[in-house]
Amino acid sequence: MIKITNLLIITYLIGITISIRVLTPEIATPKQFSVLKKSGDSTLYSIELGTNHQHNYEQAPLLLDLHGTRKQIGYDYAALLHGQTLDTYTSFMQSVFPGAQDQQLIALFIDYCWDNWLSKHTPEGFLEEMEGMDQWSKEHNIPGLTSSRISKRFFTLANMPADTQNIISMLEDEFEQGWPDWLKNIVNQIIDLLEKLIHSCDAYGVWGSRTNDGLLYTSRNLDYNSNTGINRHKLVTFYHVKDGDNVTIPGGVYAGIGFSFGLGALAGINSEGVTVSEMNLDNSMVTFNGAAFPLRLREVLEKSVDLKTAMDVWNHTENTNSFNFLIGSAKDVLKQQNGAFALETIRGFTAEFPANSPIEKAATYDCTNDPHCHKWTNQTGIVHIGKPLPEAVWRTNHGFNPQIMATQEPLFNNTVFRYNILHDLFEGFEKEGHLIGDKEAVEIVATLGTKGVNYFTCDQDLIGDNTMSIAYAPGSRSSTNKYGAFYVAWESGSGSAWRPAACSVYVKIDMDQWVAS
């Protein structure tokens, strides 16, 4: 949970008008994509941005273009990226869990969680990909930490709750028949270690009268442990998957966006115009009995062409840790329909929120006896918290559905502040008659990512954990662009020179170039 200073809270509470003041990050179009390596029909590229950027990346982002069957793309991933994947894992573990014994304890625990629960809910096709990774590892005598084992560990870590009580709730749910003896002896150490993981994030969708040509824009800010070294291996992965008898998947070609941690999607967009985003939701209703969210998001991208098919996929899979998600669909917007759903999810229950939801509008929070309320509001008693708008939907790290709110943790300043910023930005654009286009979509997501004392500048001490920031422009945008584009920035630098993604260069990736590759 990211904490911000009282100065930020006071600035908002006294009612200073945000209007449409936004961060203005640098946006770059790649100069070229340089081939680094090939395996089968798959290719690894370096995304070359040139040198004329104020805050360039020390290591160029990578783009992996995968083609083949499940087993083949797993094999190709390991052949092309095993070294980077191992470095990502080693850097992350040494940064977050510096002690060798702590790393061993975490590895033992997350391997157990994957092998006993998450693996059993993982679609067969994704397991076949891991078999392909293992085949390459066996052929090349890779001991111990194979690409598939690292993938499983990252998927499991990504699915962990953020806070002590929620971690305990998850363990109690899974160990109804009693905890294994080895875990009883180390559970308190495990919980202390897992609390070092940081979860935040936010996302929005906006369309219709608010945007240029009425087109859909969506976003994804990833706020996770920063400055760990994983930004050495920034990665966009395009999937051209053939299932069974050379059958193309319904979602067509799609991109998973993140780092070299395996074949999962921390965020993504497909050629049908569907986008996916994830945010933490602090809630005690959690379980391991489902697919890890980076794989669940891939399943949505593979099988969805619009919101209806996306929700069909969603409702036939299980929620695990408590999360908020946002799914957008360009096709729905073209049909003059709702363009995105915010999903509030806990164990066994998903609440769907379209734009201008009456449930969200009616949401209140009882501050009568809550000692935390002074951190985010100067009101007392029953406080109204929902501020939905037409043709826009957004989420940070709290819920508005009554069933979700009944088990969520107390509201905290950072999540409420960012929710309110997004409302005020959309309302400000509307009042000034300023339509949102690609540039504005990037500026909005960047503004939510800074997490500093002042959200509207990078000229300050840079804090927070904004490791990746994305603005999606999905679906056909013009006669010369059929599949849309997205803009992605990653954290840059290291140590005292670290910069959040929102203050780094946003890289434009044209979907058309890679859908047809």
Protein backbone atom coordinates (compact mmCIF):
# COMPACT_ATOMS: atom_id res chain seq x y z
CA MET A 1 0.00 0.00 0.00
CA ILE A 2 1.58 3.30 -1.11
CA LYS A 3 1.47 6.14 1.38
CA ILE A 4 1.61 9.79 0.39
CA THR A 5 2.28 12.87 2.45
CA ASN A 6 -0.27 14.89 4.36
CA LEU A 7 0.52 17.81 2.05
CA LEU A 8 -1.09 15.93 -0.82
CA ILE A 9 -4.18 15.09 1.22
CA ILE A 10 -4.63 18.65 2.45
CA THR A 11 -4.23 20.01 -1.08
CA TYR A 12 -7.18 17.94 -2.21
CA LEU A 13 -9.38 18.48 0.83
CA ILE A 14 -9.27 22.27 0.67
CA GLY A 15 -10.73 22.03 -2.82
CA ILE A 16 -8.03 23.34 -5.14
CA THR A 17 -9.43 22.96 -8.67
CA ILE A 18 -7.60 20.35 -10.71
CA SER A 19 -9.34 21.36 -13.98
CA ILE A 20 -7.43 19.64 -16.79
CA ARG A 21 -3.96 20.13 -15.44
CA VAL A 22 -2.06 16.97 -16.34
CA LEU A 23 1.44 15.56 -16.50
CA THR A 24 2.99 15.91 -19.97
CA PRO A 25 5.35 12.96 -20.51
CA GLU A 26 7.51 12.36 -23.54
CA ILE A 27 6.12 10.07 -26.25
CA ALA A 28 8.39 8.29 -28.73
CA THR A 29 7.84 6.27 -31.89
CA PRO A 30 10.46 3.53 -32.39
CA LYS A 31 13.12 4.30 -34.98
CA GLN A 32 13.47 0.61 -35.77
CA PHE A 33 13.14 -2.91 -34.39
CA SER A 34 16.51 -4.65 -34.45
CA VAL A 35 16.57 -8.45 -34.64
CA LEU A 36 18.47 -9.95 -31.69
CA LYS A 37 17.71 -13.63 -32.02
CA LYS A 38 15.42 -16.16 -33.71
CA SER A 39 13.95 -19.52 -32.73
CA GLY A 40 11.61 -21.39 -35.06
CA ASP A 41 9.21 -18.81 -36.49
CA SER A 42 9.61 -16.50 -33.46
CA THR A 43 11.86 -13.45 -33.22
CA LEU A 44 13.23 -11.30 -30.39
CA TYR A 45 13.71 -7.61 -31.23
CA SER A 46 15.25 -4.61 -29.54
CA ILE A 47 13.01 -1.52 -29.68
CA GLU A 48 15.33 1.28 -30.81
CA LEU A 49 14.15 4.75 -29.78
CA GLY A 50 17.15 6.82 -30.81
CA THR A 51 19.14 9.06 -28.50
CA ASN A 52 17.24 12.34 -28.64
CA HIS A 53 15.07 11.72 -25.58
CA GLN A 54 15.50 13.51 -22.29
CA HIS A 55 15.04 10.37 -20.21
CA ASN A 56 15.98 7.41 -22.37
CA TYR A 57 16.10 3.83 -21.14
CA GLU A 58 19.50 2.44 -20.16
CA GLN A 59 18.56 -0.85 -21.83
CA ALA A 60 16.26 -0.79 -24.83
CA PRO A 61 12.83 -2.41 -24.38
CA LEU A 62 12.40 -5.83 -25.98
CA LEU A 63 9.67 -7.08 -28.29
CA LEU A 64 9.05 -10.82 -28.64
CA ASP A 65 7.03 -11.91 -31.68
CA LEU A 66 5.88 -15.50 -31.02
CA HIS A 67 4.47 -17.80 -33.72
CA GLY A 68 3.45 -21.43 -33.32
CA THR A 69 1.68 -24.06 -31.30
CA ARG A 70 1.52 -23.85 -27.52
CA LYS A 71 4.54 -26.06 -27.05
CA GLN A 72 6.49 -24.26 -29.76
CA ILE A 73 5.99 -20.75 -28.34
CA GLY A 74 7.02 -22.03 -24.89
CA TYR A 75 10.14 -23.53 -26.40
CA ASP A 76 10.86 -20.32 -28.33
CA TYR A 77 10.36 -18.16 -25.24
CA ALA A 78 12.97 -20.15 -23.32
CA ALA A 79 15.34 -20.21 -26.30
CA LEU A 80 15.13 -16.45 -26.76
CA LEU A 81 14.71 -15.11 -23.23
CA HIS A 82 15.87 -17.61 -20.62
CA GLY A 83 18.90 -15.51 -19.65
CA GLN A 84 16.82 -12.36 -19.24
CA THR A 85 14.13 -14.26 -17.33
CA LEU A 86 16.70 -15.66 -14.90
CA ASP A 87 18.19 -12.19 -14.41
CA THR A 88 14.75 -10.70 -13.81
CA TYR A 89 14.00 -13.30 -11.15
CA THR A 90 17.40 -13.04 -9.47
CA SER A 91 17.29 -9.23 -9.39
CA PHE A 92 13.76 -9.13 -8.01
CA MET A 93 14.38 -11.69 -5.28
CA GLN A 94 17.66 -10.14 -4.16
CA SER A 95 16.08 -6.70 -4.03
CA VAL A 96 12.84 -7.56 -2.22
CA PHE A 97 14.15 -10.47 -0.10
CA PRO A 98 17.89 -9.76 0.34
CA GLY A 99 18.69 -12.67 2.67
CA ALA A 100 19.51 -16.04 1.10
CA GLN A 101 17.42 -17.88 3.72
CA ASP A 102 14.46 -15.55 3.09
CA GLN A 103 14.69 -16.27 -0.64
CA GLN A 104 14.66 -20.00 0.07
CA LEU A 105 11.60 -19.69 2.32
CA ILE A 106 9.66 -17.68 -0.24
CA ALA A 107 10.62 -20.09 -3.03
CA LEU A 108 9.53 -23.06 -0.94
CA PHE A 109 6.18 -21.46 -0.14
CA ILE A 110 5.29 -20.19 -3.62
CA ASP A 111 6.32 -23.50 -5.23
CA TYR A 112 3.96 -25.25 -2.81
CA CYS A 113 1.12 -22.84 -3.62
CA TRP A 114 1.60 -23.28 -7.37
CA ASP A 115 1.92 -27.06 -7.28
CA ASN A 116 -1.05 -27.61 -4.95
CA TRP A 117 -3.56 -25.01 -6.18
CA LEU A 118 -2.83 -22.57 -8.97
CA SER A 119 -1.47 -25.21 -11.35
CA LYS A 120 -4.69 -27.21 -11.05
CA HIS A 121 -6.71 -24.27 -12.39
CA THR A 122 -4.30 -23.34 -15.18
CA PRO A 123 -5.67 -23.98 -18.71
CA GLU A 124 -4.07 -26.95 -20.42
CA GLY A 125 -2.71 -24.82 -23.25
CA PHE A 126 -0.66 -22.70 -20.86
CA LEU A 127 0.73 -25.82 -19.19
CA GLU A 128 1.77 -27.04 -22.65
CA GLU A 129 3.72 -23.82 -23.11
CA MET A 130 5.61 -24.54 -19.90
CA GLU A 131 6.33 -28.04 -21.19
CA GLY A 132 7.88 -26.39 -24.24
CA MET A 133 10.09 -24.30 -21.94
CA ASP A 134 11.12 -27.44 -20.09
CA GLN A 135 11.97 -29.19 -23.35
CA TRP A 136 14.38 -26.40 -24.28
CA SER A 137 15.87 -26.43 -20.77
CA LYS A 138 16.41 -30.19 -20.95
CA GLU A 139 18.05 -29.95 -24.36
CA HIS A 140 20.42 -27.25 -23.10
CA ASN A 141 21.13 -28.80 -19.67
CA ILE A 142 19.63 -25.91 -17.70
CA PRO A 143 19.56 -27.00 -14.04
CA GLY A 144 17.21 -25.81 -11.32
CA LEU A 145 15.76 -22.45 -12.25
CA THR A 146 14.22 -23.10 -15.65
CA SER A 147 12.08 -20.52 -17.44
CA SER A 148 8.95 -22.50 -16.55
CA ARG A 149 9.80 -22.64 -12.83
CA ILE A 150 10.52 -18.91 -12.76
CA SER A 151 7.25 -18.24 -14.59
CA LYS A 152 5.28 -20.23 -12.02
CA ARG A 153 6.95 -18.35 -9.17
CA PHE A 154 6.21 -14.94 -10.65
CA PHE A 155 2.59 -15.90 -11.41
CA THR A 156 2.19 -16.98 -7.78
CA LEU A 157 3.84 -13.87 -6.33
CA ALA A 158 1.65 -11.66 -8.52
CA ASN A 159 -1.40 -13.34 -7.01
CA MET A 160 -0.46 -12.73 -3.37
CA PRO A 161 -2.60 -10.49 -1.14
CA ALA A 162 -1.12 -7.20 -0.06
CA ASP A 163 -1.66 -7.24 3.69
CA THR A 164 -1.15 -9.54 6.68
CA GLN A 165 -4.80 -10.25 7.45
CA ASN A 166 -5.56 -11.06 3.82
CA ILE A 167 -2.55 -13.39 3.54
CA ILE A 168 -3.75 -15.20 6.66
CA SER A 169 -7.29 -15.40 5.23
CA MET A 170 -5.96 -16.98 2.05
CA LEU A 171 -3.93 -19.55 3.97
CA GLU A 172 -6.84 -20.40 6.27
CA ASP A 173 -9.11 -20.90 3.27
CA GLU A 174 -6.69 -23.34 1.63
CA PHE A 175 -5.67 -25.25 4.75
CA GLU A 176 -9.11 -26.15 6.11
CA GLN A 177 -7.81 -29.62 6.94
CA GLY A 178 -4.87 -28.22 8.85
CA TRP A 179 -1.56 -26.70 7.85
CA PRO A 180 1.44 -28.86 6.91
CA ASP A 181 3.90 -29.12 9.78
CA TRP A 182 6.68 -27.41 7.85
CA LEU A 183 4.46 -24.39 7.18
CA LYS A 184 3.30 -24.13 10.80
CA ASN A 185 6.90 -23.58 11.81
CA ILE A 186 7.62 -20.78 9.34
CA VAL A 187 4.25 -19.18 8.60
CA ASN A 188 4.97 -16.00 10.55
CA GLN A 189 8.26 -15.55 8.69
CA ILE A 190 6.47 -16.12 5.38
CA ILE A 191 3.84 -13.50 6.18
CA ASP A 192 6.48 -10.97 7.22
CA LEU A 193 8.27 -11.54 3.92
CA LEU A 194 5.15 -11.35 1.77
CA GLU A 195 4.29 -8.00 3.33
CA LYS A 196 7.29 -6.58 1.45
CA LEU A 197 5.31 -6.94 -1.78
CA ILE A 198 3.68 -3.66 -2.83
CA HIS A 199 0.38 -3.57 -4.71
CA SER A 200 -1.53 -0.54 -5.94
CA CYS A 201 -2.38 0.25 -9.61
CA ASP A 202 -5.26 2.00 -11.39
CA ALA A 203 -7.06 2.00 -14.75
CA TYR A 204 -9.69 3.88 -16.72
CA GLY A 205 -11.86 3.60 -19.82
CA VAL A 206 -13.31 6.59 -21.70
CA TRP A 207 -15.18 6.94 -24.99
CA GLY A 208 -18.10 8.56 -26.84
CA SER A 209 -18.65 12.29 -26.51
CA ARG A 210 -15.50 12.57 -24.38
CA THR A 211 -13.02 11.41 -27.05
CA ASN A 212 -11.85 12.18 -30.57
CA ASP A 213 -14.21 10.46 -33.04
CA GLY A 214 -15.94 8.80 -30.08
CA LEU A 215 -13.20 6.14 -29.91
CA LEU A 216 -12.27 4.10 -26.86
CA TYR A 217 -9.21 4.72 -24.71
CA THR A 218 -8.27 2.57 -21.72
CA SER A 219 -5.28 2.49 -19.38
CA ARG A 220 -3.21 0.49 -16.94
CA ASN A 221 -0.79 1.71 -14.24
CA LEU A 222 1.23 -1.05 -12.59
CA ASP A 223 2.43 -0.06 -9.12
CA TYR A 224 4.57 -2.88 -7.77
CA ASN A 225 7.94 -3.11 -6.05
CA SER A 226 10.14 -0.59 -7.85
CA ASN A 227 13.87 -0.16 -8.39
CA THR A 228 14.45 -3.92 -8.25
CA GLY A 229 16.38 -4.23 -11.52
CA ILE A 230 13.60 -5.95 -13.50
CA ASN A 231 13.41 -2.88 -15.77
CA ARG A 232 16.55 -4.15 -17.49
CA HIS A 233 14.27 -6.55 -19.35
CA LYS A 234 11.18 -4.56 -20.36
CA LEU A 235 9.07 -6.68 -22.66
CA VAL A 236 6.17 -6.57 -25.11
CA THR A 237 5.12 -10.04 -26.30
CA PHE A 238 2.95 -10.60 -29.38
CA TYR A 239 1.19 -13.97 -29.52
CA HIS A 240 0.32 -15.63 -32.85
CA VAL A 241 -1.01 -18.85 -31.36
CA LYS A 242 -2.24 -21.88 -33.29
CA ASP A 243 -4.38 -24.26 -31.22
CA GLY A 244 -5.15 -27.85 -32.17
CA ASP A 245 -5.32 -28.37 -35.94
CA ASN A 246 -3.78 -25.02 -36.80
CA VAL A 247 -6.87 -23.20 -35.46
CA THR A 248 -6.55 -19.45 -34.85
CA ILE A 249 -7.80 -18.34 -31.45
CA PRO A 250 -10.95 -16.09 -31.38
CA GLY A 251 -9.13 -13.06 -29.98
CA GLY A 252 -6.67 -13.14 -32.88
CA VAL A 253 -3.19 -11.76 -32.32
CA TYR A 254 -2.64 -10.14 -28.95
CA ALA A 255 0.05 -8.39 -26.93
CA GLY A 256 1.02 -9.09 -23.34
CA ILE A 257 2.92 -6.22 -21.75
CA GLY A 258 5.35 -6.28 -18.83
CA PHE A 259 8.78 -7.75 -18.14
CA SER A 260 10.60 -10.99 -18.94
CA PHE A 261 8.99 -13.14 -16.26
CA GLY A 262 7.37 -15.78 -18.49
CA LEU A 263 4.31 -16.03 -20.72
CA GLY A 264 1.82 -14.06 -18.66
CA ALA A 265 0.03 -10.75 -19.21
CA LEU A 266 0.24 -8.04 -16.55
CA ALA A 267 -1.68 -6.02 -19.15
CA GLY A 268 -2.74 -6.60 -22.73
CA ILE A 269 -4.64 -5.80 -25.92
CA ASN A 270 -5.87 -8.01 -28.77
CA SER A 271 -6.53 -7.45 -32.45
CA GLU A 272 -10.29 -7.53 -31.81
CA GLY A 273 -10.01 -4.35 -29.75
CA VAL A 274 -10.27 -5.86 -26.24
CA THR A 275 -7.98 -4.56 -23.47
CA VAL A 276 -7.33 -5.85 -19.95
CA SER A 277 -6.00 -4.16 -16.80
CA GLU A 278 -5.61 -5.17 -13.14
CA MET A 279 -5.51 -3.39 -9.79
CA ASN A 280 -5.21 -4.55 -6.20
CA LEU A 281 -8.32 -4.56 -4.00
CA ASP A 282 -7.65 -4.85 -0.28
CA ASN A 283 -10.15 -7.48 0.81
CA SER A 284 -10.08 -10.58 3.00
CA MET A 285 -12.17 -12.80 0.67
CA VAL A 286 -9.29 -14.50 -1.12
CA THR A 287 -8.26 -17.95 -2.36
CA PHE A 288 -5.65 -19.82 -4.42
CA ASN A 289 -8.32 -21.92 -6.14
CA GLY A 290 -8.22 -20.33 -9.58
CA ALA A 291 -5.82 -19.37 -12.33
CA ALA A 292 -3.16 -16.77 -11.54
CA PHE A 293 -4.34 -13.43 -12.87
CA PRO A 294 -1.56 -13.00 -15.52
CA LEU A 295 -2.83 -16.23 -17.11
CA ARG A 296 -6.49 -15.39 -16.63
CA LEU A 297 -5.95 -12.12 -18.48
CA ARG A 298 -4.31 -14.03 -21.32
CA GLU A 299 -7.35 -16.31 -21.48
CA VAL A 300 -9.63 -13.27 -21.79
CA LEU A 301 -7.47 -11.84 -24.58
CA GLU A 302 -7.43 -15.16 -26.44
CA LYS A 303 -11.17 -15.84 -26.33
CA SER A 304 -12.80 -12.39 -26.43
CA VAL A 305 -14.01 -10.20 -29.25
CA ASP A 306 -16.23 -7.85 -27.20
CA LEU A 307 -17.48 -7.32 -23.65
CA LYS A 308 -20.06 -10.11 -23.83
CA THR A 309 -17.53 -12.76 -24.81
CA ALA A 310 -15.03 -11.34 -22.30
CA MET A 311 -17.56 -11.69 -19.49
CA ASP A 312 -18.45 -15.20 -20.67
CA VAL A 313 -14.79 -16.14 -20.23
CA TRP A 314 -14.63 -14.31 -16.92
CA ASN A 315 -17.68 -15.98 -15.45
CA HIS A 316 -16.42 -19.45 -16.40
CA THR A 317 -13.18 -18.92 -14.49
CA GLU A 318 -12.57 -18.40 -10.78
CA ASN A 319 -11.53 -15.33 -8.79
CA THR A 320 -8.47 -15.78 -6.58
CA ASN A 321 -6.90 -12.89 -4.70
CA SER A 322 -9.16 -9.86 -4.39
CA PHE A 323 -8.55 -7.58 -7.39
CA ASN A 324 -10.18 -4.84 -9.40
CA PHE A 325 -10.01 -5.26 -13.17
CA LEU A 326 -10.97 -3.18 -16.17
CA ILE A 327 -11.93 -4.73 -19.51
CA GLY A 328 -12.52 -2.48 -22.53
CA SER A 329 -13.97 -3.23 -25.97
CA ALA A 330 -13.61 -1.05 -29.05
CA LYS A 331 -16.35 -2.99 -30.88
CA ASP A 332 -18.91 -2.17 -28.21
CA VAL A 333 -18.11 1.52 -28.52
CA LEU A 334 -18.55 1.38 -32.30
CA LYS A 335 -22.03 -0.05 -31.64
CA GLN A 336 -22.79 2.95 -29.37
CA GLN A 337 -22.78 0.67 -26.34
CA ASN A 338 -21.01 0.77 -22.99
CA GLY A 339 -17.29 0.53 -23.73
CA ALA A 340 -15.78 -0.91 -20.56
CA PHE A 341 -16.53 -2.72 -17.34
CA ALA A 342 -14.81 -2.18 -14.02
CA LEU A 343 -14.82 -5.52 -12.21
CA GLU A 344 -14.57 -5.75 -8.43
CA THR A 345 -13.64 -9.32 -7.55
CA ILE A 346 -13.37 -11.36 -4.38
CA ARG A 347 -13.55 -15.08 -3.72
CA GLY A 348 -16.72 -16.39 -5.36
CA PHE A 349 -18.13 -13.03 -6.48
CA THR A 350 -17.63 -10.46 -9.26
CA ALA A 351 -19.40 -7.09 -9.38
CA GLU A 352 -19.67 -5.52 -12.87
CA PHE A 353 -19.72 -1.74 -13.19
CA PRO A 354 -20.50 -0.02 -16.50
CA ALA A 355 -20.21 3.74 -16.93
CA ASN A 356 -22.46 5.89 -14.72
CA SER A 357 -23.36 2.96 -12.48
CA PRO A 358 -26.23 3.70 -10.05
CA ILE A 359 -24.64 1.34 -7.52
CA GLU A 360 -21.40 3.30 -7.65
CA LYS A 361 -23.33 6.58 -7.43
CA ALA A 362 -25.13 5.43 -4.28
CA ALA A 363 -21.99 4.16 -2.54
CA THR A 364 -21.22 5.58 0.90
CA TYR A 365 -18.67 4.91 3.63
CA ASP A 366 -19.40 5.01 7.34
CA CYS A 367 -16.87 7.26 9.07
CA THR A 368 -18.78 7.38 12.35
CA ASN A 369 -16.31 5.21 14.25
CA ASP A 370 -13.55 4.71 11.68
CA PRO A 371 -10.23 6.12 12.95
CA HIS A 372 -8.76 6.07 9.42
CA CYS A 373 -11.21 8.47 7.77
CA HIS A 374 -9.32 11.64 8.68
CA LYS A 375 -6.56 10.46 6.31
CA TRP A 376 -8.76 10.94 3.24
CA THR A 377 -11.72 13.16 4.14
CA ASN A 378 -12.63 16.04 6.45
CA GLN A 379 -16.22 14.76 6.64
CA THR A 380 -17.71 12.65 9.43
CA GLY A 381 -20.62 10.25 9.64
CA ILE A 382 -21.88 8.71 6.39
CA VAL A 383 -19.64 9.95 3.55
CA HIS A 384 -20.66 9.71 -0.09
CA ILE A 385 -17.77 8.22 -2.10
CA GLY A 386 -19.11 7.24 -5.55
CA LYS A 387 -18.69 9.71 -8.44
CA PRO A 388 -19.51 7.84 -11.68
CA LEU A 389 -19.87 9.61 -15.02
CA PRO A 390 -21.39 8.73 -18.39
CA GLU A 391 -19.00 7.30 -21.00
CA ALA A 392 -16.21 6.71 -18.51
CA VAL A 393 -15.34 4.09 -15.92
CA TRP A 394 -12.30 3.83 -13.67
CA ARG A 395 -10.93 2.14 -10.56
CA THR A 396 -8.10 2.42 -8.08
CA ASN A 397 -7.89 0.08 -5.04
CA HIS A 398 -11.27 0.08 -3.36
CA GLY A 399 -14.74 -1.17 -4.19
CA PHE A 400 -18.25 0.27 -4.38
CA ASN A 401 -20.42 -2.84 -4.44
CA PRO A 402 -22.00 -3.38 -0.99
CA GLN A 403 -20.94 -7.03 -0.86
CA ILE A 404 -17.35 -6.09 -1.72
CA MET A 405 -17.29 -3.21 0.76
CA ALA A 406 -18.50 -5.43 3.59
CA THR A 407 -15.15 -7.24 3.71
CA GLN A 408 -12.70 -4.68 2.35
CA GLU A 409 -10.10 -2.92 4.47
CA PRO A 410 -10.61 0.69 5.61
CA LEU A 411 -10.29 3.26 2.84
CA PHE A 412 -6.91 4.96 2.60
CA ASN A 413 -5.82 8.30 1.21
CA ASN A 414 -3.99 7.17 -1.92
CA THR A 415 -6.83 5.12 -3.42
CA VAL A 416 -9.49 7.75 -2.72
CA PHE A 417 -7.29 10.57 -3.99
CA ARG A 418 -6.58 8.87 -7.32
CA TYR A 419 -10.22 7.91 -7.81
CA ASN A 420 -11.18 11.55 -7.29
CA ILE A 421 -8.43 12.82 -9.60
CA LEU A 422 -9.78 10.70 -12.46
CA HIS A 423 -13.31 11.95 -11.88
CA ASP A 424 -12.13 15.55 -11.86
CA LEU A 425 -9.97 15.12 -14.95
CA PHE A 426 -12.81 13.65 -17.00
CA GLU A 427 -15.19 16.31 -15.74
CA GLY A 428 -12.62 19.02 -16.43
CA PHE A 429 -12.09 17.89 -20.03
CA GLU A 430 -15.86 17.87 -20.53
CA LYS A 431 -16.41 21.35 -19.09
CA GLU A 432 -13.68 22.84 -21.25
CA GLY A 433 -14.91 21.07 -24.38
CA HIS A 434 -11.55 19.35 -24.78
CA LEU A 435 -11.78 15.93 -26.43
CA ILE A 436 -9.44 13.16 -25.32
CA GLY A 437 -7.10 11.80 -28.01
CA ASP A 438 -3.94 9.72 -27.92
CA LYS A 439 -1.87 12.47 -26.32
CA GLU A 440 -4.44 13.21 -23.63
CA ALA A 441 -4.94 9.50 -22.89
CA VAL A 442 -1.22 9.19 -22.17
CA GLU A 443 -1.22 12.34 -20.06
CA ILE A 444 -4.11 11.10 -17.92
CA VAL A 445 -2.54 7.73 -17.12
CA ALA A 446 0.82 9.40 -16.44
CA THR A 447 -0.77 11.84 -14.01
CA LEU A 448 -2.06 8.93 -11.93
CA GLY A 449 1.36 7.27 -11.96
CA THR A 450 3.69 9.83 -10.41
CA LYS A 451 2.67 9.16 -6.77
CA GLY A 452 4.68 12.14 -5.57
CA VAL A 453 3.80 15.06 -3.33
CA ASN A 454 2.58 16.75 -6.51
CA TYR A 455 0.94 14.44 -9.05
CA PHE A 456 1.32 16.98 -11.85
CA THR A 457 5.09 17.23 -12.21
CA CYS A 458 8.15 15.01 -12.45
CA ASP A 459 10.33 17.87 -11.20
CA GLN A 460 10.37 16.68 -7.57
CA ASP A 461 11.74 13.89 -5.41
CA LEU A 462 10.39 10.84 -7.24
CA ILE A 463 8.83 8.25 -4.96
CA GLY A 464 6.21 5.52 -5.27
CA ASP A 465 6.30 2.27 -7.22
CA ASN A 466 5.01 3.03 -10.70
CA THR A 467 6.83 0.32 -12.66
CA MET A 468 4.73 0.37 -15.86
CA SER A 469 2.17 2.74 -17.37
CA ILE A 470 0.02 2.11 -20.46
CA ALA A 471 -2.55 3.99 -22.53
CA TYR A 472 -4.44 1.77 -24.98
CA ALA A 473 -6.01 3.01 -28.21
CA PRO A 474 -7.72 -0.25 -29.26
CA GLY A 475 -9.50 -1.20 -32.48
CA SER A 476 -9.64 0.57 -35.82
CA ARG A 477 -8.63 4.24 -35.54
CA SER A 478 -8.57 5.28 -39.20
CA SER A 479 -8.49 3.98 -42.77
CA THR A 480 -4.78 3.30 -42.35
CA ASN A 481 -4.91 1.79 -38.85
CA LYS A 482 -7.08 -1.30 -38.43
CA TYR A 483 -6.00 -2.65 -35.06
CA GLY A 484 -5.09 0.39 -32.99
CA ALA A 485 -2.01 1.06 -30.89
CA PHE A 486 -0.80 1.38 -27.34
CA TYR A 487 1.67 3.58 -25.49
CA VAL A 488 3.79 1.98 -22.79
CA ALA A 489 6.38 3.37 -20.37
CA TRP A 490 8.43 1.48 -17.83
CA GLU A 491 10.34 2.61 -14.77
CA SER A 492 13.81 3.78 -15.75
CA GLY A 493 17.18 4.25 -14.12
CA SER A 494 18.19 2.72 -10.81
CA GLY A 495 19.24 3.71 -7.31
CA SER A 496 19.00 7.47 -6.76
CA ALA A 497 18.51 7.96 -10.53
CA TRP A 498 15.30 5.89 -10.54
CA ARG A 499 12.28 7.37 -12.31
CA PRO A 500 8.69 6.08 -12.25
CA ALA A 501 7.21 4.89 -15.52
CA ALA A 502 4.99 7.97 -15.62
CA CYS A 503 8.11 10.15 -15.79
CA SER A 504 9.85 8.01 -18.40
CA VAL A 505 9.40 7.79 -22.19
CA TYR A 506 6.11 6.35 -23.47
CA VAL A 507 6.78 4.08 -26.45
CA LYS A 508 4.12 3.87 -29.16
CA ILE A 509 3.53 0.35 -30.49
CA ASP A 510 1.40 0.13 -33.65
CA MET A 511 -0.71 -3.03 -33.50
CA ASP A 512 -1.03 -3.24 -37.29
CA GLN A 513 2.69 -3.82 -37.74
CA TRP A 514 2.66 -6.90 -35.52
CA VAL A 515 -0.77 -8.36 -36.19
CA ALA A 516 0.29 -8.83 -39.80
CA SER A 517 3.83 -10.04 -38.99
